[in-house]
Amino acid sequence: MEIRVCIDVPEMDAALRFYVEGLGLTAGRRFDPKWAELLGASAPIDLLVKEEASPPFAGAAEQRDYRRHWTPTHLDFVVPDIEAAVKRAEAFGGRFEREVLGQAYGRLALMSDPFGNGFCFLEFKGKGYDEIKALP
């Protein structure tokens, strides 16, 4: 099974600038003016232009809101140098939301893109997630 990640954004040029220049992904195909593919992660990421205040699905009580928001799904980008990744993302409109957190597997930076979508940078140490002891 293949997985593709889709991110709603209000404006394509700004989204491409952030994800390509700010995070280092590569622009792939442009399917139309409101749909672009990004490559360079372990799964393709599709940027989809969806208007501010549009309903996310038929009959939705809420509307799209590009202020900082929380969703139960987010992306983690594994990077070799967390400080450099944070600095680069900030230079292109990303927001660093709290100090870098130490974890058993490495370090974690909580971030958001310029459109309110949350994501994290992970800098693994040693064996990454294998540093965590498995539950019995």
C-alpha atoms as a PDB file:
ATOM      1  CA  MET A   1       0.000   0.000   0.000  1.00  0.00           C
ATOM      2  CA  GLU A   2       1.289   3.442  -0.876  1.00  0.00           C
ATOM      3  CA  ILE A   3       0.681   6.451   1.339  1.00  0.00           C
ATOM      4  CA  ARG A   4       0.528  10.059   0.200  1.00  0.00           C
ATOM      5  CA  VAL A   5       0.371  12.976   2.602  1.00  0.00           C
ATOM      6  CA  CYS A   6      -1.965  15.865   1.717  1.00  0.00           C
ATOM      7  CA  ILE A   7      -1.656  19.326   3.252  1.00  0.00           C
ATOM      8  CA  ASP A   8      -4.296  22.013   2.763  1.00  0.00           C
ATOM      9  CA  VAL A   9      -2.857  25.472   2.192  1.00  0.00           C
ATOM     10  CA  PRO A  10      -4.504  28.793   1.286  1.00  0.00           C
ATOM     11  CA  GLU A  11      -1.972  29.853  -1.379  1.00  0.00           C
ATOM     12  CA  MET A  12       0.302  27.702  -3.563  1.00  0.00           C
ATOM     13  CA  ASP A  13       3.295  30.002  -4.185  1.00  0.00           C
ATOM     14  CA  ALA A  14       3.803  30.672  -0.463  1.00  0.00           C
ATOM     15  CA  ALA A  15       3.363  26.982   0.342  1.00  0.00           C
ATOM     16  CA  LEU A  16       5.904  25.895  -2.263  1.00  0.00           C
ATOM     17  CA  ARG A  17       8.376  28.489  -1.009  1.00  0.00           C
ATOM     18  CA  PHE A  18       8.071  27.252   2.580  1.00  0.00           C
ATOM     19  CA  TYR A  19       8.162  23.512   1.885  1.00  0.00           C
ATOM     20  CA  VAL A  20      10.864  23.662  -0.817  1.00  0.00           C
ATOM     21  CA  GLU A  21      13.135  26.439   0.461  1.00  0.00           C
ATOM     22  CA  GLY A  22      12.275  26.251   4.152  1.00  0.00           C
ATOM     23  CA  LEU A  23      12.223  22.474   4.595  1.00  0.00           C
ATOM     24  CA  GLY A  24      14.358  21.341   1.659  1.00  0.00           C
ATOM     25  CA  LEU A  25      11.770  19.221  -0.154  1.00  0.00           C
ATOM     26  CA  THR A  26      11.789  19.072  -3.963  1.00  0.00           C
ATOM     27  CA  ALA A  27       8.966  20.333  -6.166  1.00  0.00           C
ATOM     28  CA  GLY A  28       7.608  17.440  -8.202  1.00  0.00           C
ATOM     29  CA  ARG A  29       4.685  17.534 -10.609  1.00  0.00           C
ATOM     30  CA  ARG A  30       2.142  20.353 -10.825  1.00  0.00           C
ATOM     31  CA  PHE A  31      -1.163  18.646 -11.515  1.00  0.00           C
ATOM     32  CA  ASP A  32      -2.999  21.973 -11.756  1.00  0.00           C
ATOM     33  CA  PRO A  33      -2.630  25.462 -10.214  1.00  0.00           C
ATOM     34  CA  LYS A  34      -4.135  24.227  -6.926  1.00  0.00           C
ATOM     35  CA  TRP A  35      -2.270  20.912  -6.612  1.00  0.00           C
ATOM     36  CA  ALA A  36       1.480  20.381  -6.406  1.00  0.00           C
ATOM     37  CA  GLU A  37       3.522  17.348  -5.453  1.00  0.00           C
ATOM     38  CA  LEU A  38       6.571  17.504  -3.188  1.00  0.00           C
ATOM     39  CA  LEU A  39       9.282  14.853  -3.159  1.00  0.00           C
ATOM     40  CA  GLY A  40      12.250  14.173  -0.920  1.00  0.00           C
ATOM     41  CA  ALA A  41      10.444  12.698   2.089  1.00  0.00           C
ATOM     42  CA  SER A  42       9.754   8.984   2.547  1.00  0.00           C
ATOM     43  CA  ALA A  43       6.250   9.594   1.124  1.00  0.00           C
ATOM     44  CA  PRO A  44       5.134  12.118  -1.495  1.00  0.00           C
ATOM     45  CA  ILE A  45       3.425  15.217  -0.082  1.00  0.00           C
ATOM     46  CA  ASP A  46       0.642  16.906  -2.020  1.00  0.00           C
ATOM     47  CA  LEU A  47      -0.084  20.583  -1.399  1.00  0.00           C
ATOM     48  CA  LEU A  48      -3.750  21.326  -2.059  1.00  0.00           C
ATOM     49  CA  VAL A  49      -5.103  24.868  -2.232  1.00  0.00           C
ATOM     50  CA  LYS A  50      -8.305  25.106  -0.219  1.00  0.00           C
ATOM     51  CA  GLU A  51      -9.875  28.496   0.411  1.00  0.00           C
ATOM     52  CA  GLU A  52      -9.912  29.998   3.913  1.00  0.00           C
ATOM     53  CA  ALA A  53     -13.349  29.499   5.537  1.00  0.00           C
ATOM     54  CA  SER A  54     -14.349  26.758   3.081  1.00  0.00           C
ATOM     55  CA  PRO A  55     -15.982  23.639   4.556  1.00  0.00           C
ATOM     56  CA  PRO A  56     -13.616  20.648   4.829  1.00  0.00           C
ATOM     57  CA  PHE A  57     -16.445  18.264   3.859  1.00  0.00           C
ATOM     58  CA  ALA A  58     -20.149  18.466   2.989  1.00  0.00           C
ATOM     59  CA  GLY A  59     -22.215  19.350   6.037  1.00  0.00           C
ATOM     60  CA  ALA A  60     -19.223  20.306   8.192  1.00  0.00           C
ATOM     61  CA  ALA A  61     -20.011  22.546  11.160  1.00  0.00           C
ATOM     62  CA  GLU A  62     -16.508  24.063  11.038  1.00  0.00           C
ATOM     63  CA  GLN A  63     -14.681  25.859   8.256  1.00  0.00           C
ATOM     64  CA  ARG A  64     -11.016  25.822   7.272  1.00  0.00           C
ATOM     65  CA  ASP A  65      -8.987  28.162   9.411  1.00  0.00           C
ATOM     66  CA  TYR A  66      -5.326  28.871   8.683  1.00  0.00           C
ATOM     67  CA  ARG A  67      -4.506  30.346  12.058  1.00  0.00           C
ATOM     68  CA  ARG A  68      -2.490  27.968  14.242  1.00  0.00           C
ATOM     69  CA  HIS A  69      -4.661  24.932  14.860  1.00  0.00           C
ATOM     70  CA  TRP A  70      -4.378  21.423  16.196  1.00  0.00           C
ATOM     71  CA  THR A  71      -5.207  18.226  14.365  1.00  0.00           C
ATOM     72  CA  PRO A  72      -4.712  14.661  15.562  1.00  0.00           C
ATOM     73  CA  THR A  73      -2.341  13.986  12.648  1.00  0.00           C
ATOM     74  CA  HIS A  74       0.940  15.771  11.970  1.00  0.00           C
ATOM     75  CA  LEU A  75       4.230  15.212  10.160  1.00  0.00           C
ATOM     76  CA  ASP A  76       7.612  14.498  11.740  1.00  0.00           C
ATOM     77  CA  PHE A  77      10.646  15.365   9.618  1.00  0.00           C
ATOM     78  CA  VAL A  78      13.854  13.574  10.650  1.00  0.00           C
ATOM     79  CA  VAL A  79      16.814  15.948  10.340  1.00  0.00           C
ATOM     80  CA  PRO A  80      20.542  15.607  11.093  1.00  0.00           C
ATOM     81  CA  ASP A  81      20.839  19.039  12.791  1.00  0.00           C
ATOM     82  CA  ILE A  82      17.738  20.269  14.597  1.00  0.00           C
ATOM     83  CA  GLU A  83      18.986  23.817  15.228  1.00  0.00           C
ATOM     84  CA  ALA A  84      19.842  24.300  11.543  1.00  0.00           C
ATOM     85  CA  ALA A  85      16.437  22.894  10.490  1.00  0.00           C
ATOM     86  CA  VAL A  86      14.582  25.225  12.894  1.00  0.00           C
ATOM     87  CA  LYS A  87      16.570  28.253  11.715  1.00  0.00           C
ATOM     88  CA  ARG A  88      15.938  27.450   8.044  1.00  0.00           C
ATOM     89  CA  ALA A  89      12.198  26.871   8.573  1.00  0.00           C
ATOM     90  CA  GLU A  90      11.880  30.115  10.559  1.00  0.00           C
ATOM     91  CA  ALA A  91      13.588  32.036   7.749  1.00  0.00           C
ATOM     92  CA  PHE A  92      10.726  30.997   5.455  1.00  0.00           C
ATOM     93  CA  GLY A  93       7.813  31.620   7.820  1.00  0.00           C
ATOM     94  CA  GLY A  94       7.822  28.547  10.049  1.00  0.00           C
ATOM     95  CA  ARG A  95       7.172  28.994  13.761  1.00  0.00           C
ATOM     96  CA  PHE A  96       9.288  27.410  16.494  1.00  0.00           C
ATOM     97  CA  GLU A  97       6.805  26.814  19.300  1.00  0.00           C
ATOM     98  CA  ARG A  98       8.889  25.822  22.336  1.00  0.00           C
ATOM     99  CA  GLU A  99      12.388  24.827  23.350  1.00  0.00           C
ATOM    100  CA  VAL A 100      13.892  21.692  21.834  1.00  0.00           C
ATOM    101  CA  LEU A 101      12.847  18.724  23.960  1.00  0.00           C
ATOM    102  CA  GLY A 102      15.157  15.844  24.855  1.00  0.00           C
ATOM    103  CA  GLN A 103      13.737  12.347  24.437  1.00  0.00           C
ATOM    104  CA  ALA A 104      15.160   8.851  24.858  1.00  0.00           C
ATOM    105  CA  TYR A 105      15.446   8.577  21.065  1.00  0.00           C
ATOM    106  CA  GLY A 106      16.874  12.062  20.423  1.00  0.00           C
ATOM    107  CA  ARG A 107      15.590  15.623  20.237  1.00  0.00           C
ATOM    108  CA  LEU A 108      12.246  17.092  19.185  1.00  0.00           C
ATOM    109  CA  ALA A 109      11.295  20.599  17.990  1.00  0.00           C
ATOM    110  CA  LEU A 110       7.596  21.513  17.845  1.00  0.00           C
ATOM    111  CA  MET A 111       6.894  23.701  14.804  1.00  0.00           C
ATOM    112  CA  SER A 112       4.116  25.025  12.595  1.00  0.00           C
ATOM    113  CA  ASP A 113       4.130  26.075   8.970  1.00  0.00           C
ATOM    114  CA  PRO A 114       2.986  29.571   7.890  1.00  0.00           C
ATOM    115  CA  PHE A 115      -0.562  28.184   7.442  1.00  0.00           C
ATOM    116  CA  GLY A 116      -1.080  26.882  10.986  1.00  0.00           C
ATOM    117  CA  ASN A 117      -0.294  23.223  10.259  1.00  0.00           C
ATOM    118  CA  GLY A 118       1.761  21.633  13.040  1.00  0.00           C
ATOM    119  CA  PHE A 119       4.814  19.473  12.402  1.00  0.00           C
ATOM    120  CA  CYS A 120       7.937  18.398  14.282  1.00  0.00           C
ATOM    121  CA  PHE A 121      11.622  18.080  13.558  1.00  0.00           C
ATOM    122  CA  LEU A 122      13.258  14.963  15.010  1.00  0.00           C
ATOM    123  CA  GLU A 123      16.997  14.568  15.462  1.00  0.00           C
ATOM    124  CA  PHE A 124      17.664  10.935  16.326  1.00  0.00           C
ATOM    125  CA  LYS A 125      20.537   9.852  18.562  1.00  0.00           C
ATOM    126  CA  GLY A 126      22.183   6.461  18.616  1.00  0.00           C
ATOM    127  CA  LYS A 127      19.688   3.907  17.320  1.00  0.00           C
ATOM    128  CA  GLY A 128      16.764   6.366  17.117  1.00  0.00           C
ATOM    129  CA  TYR A 129      13.505   4.790  18.226  1.00  0.00           C
ATOM    130  CA  ASP A 130      15.404   1.594  19.019  1.00  0.00           C
ATOM    131  CA  GLU A 131      16.869   3.483  22.020  1.00  0.00           C
ATOM    132  CA  ILE A 132      13.451   3.066  23.663  1.00  0.00           C
ATOM    133  CA  LYS A 133      13.077  -0.118  25.645  1.00  0.00           C
ATOM    134  CA  ALA A 134      10.210  -2.229  24.363  1.00  0.00           C
ATOM    135  CA  LEU A 135       7.364  -2.959  26.710  1.00  0.00           C
ATOM    136  CA  PRO A 136       7.207  -6.574  27.932  1.00  0.00           C
END
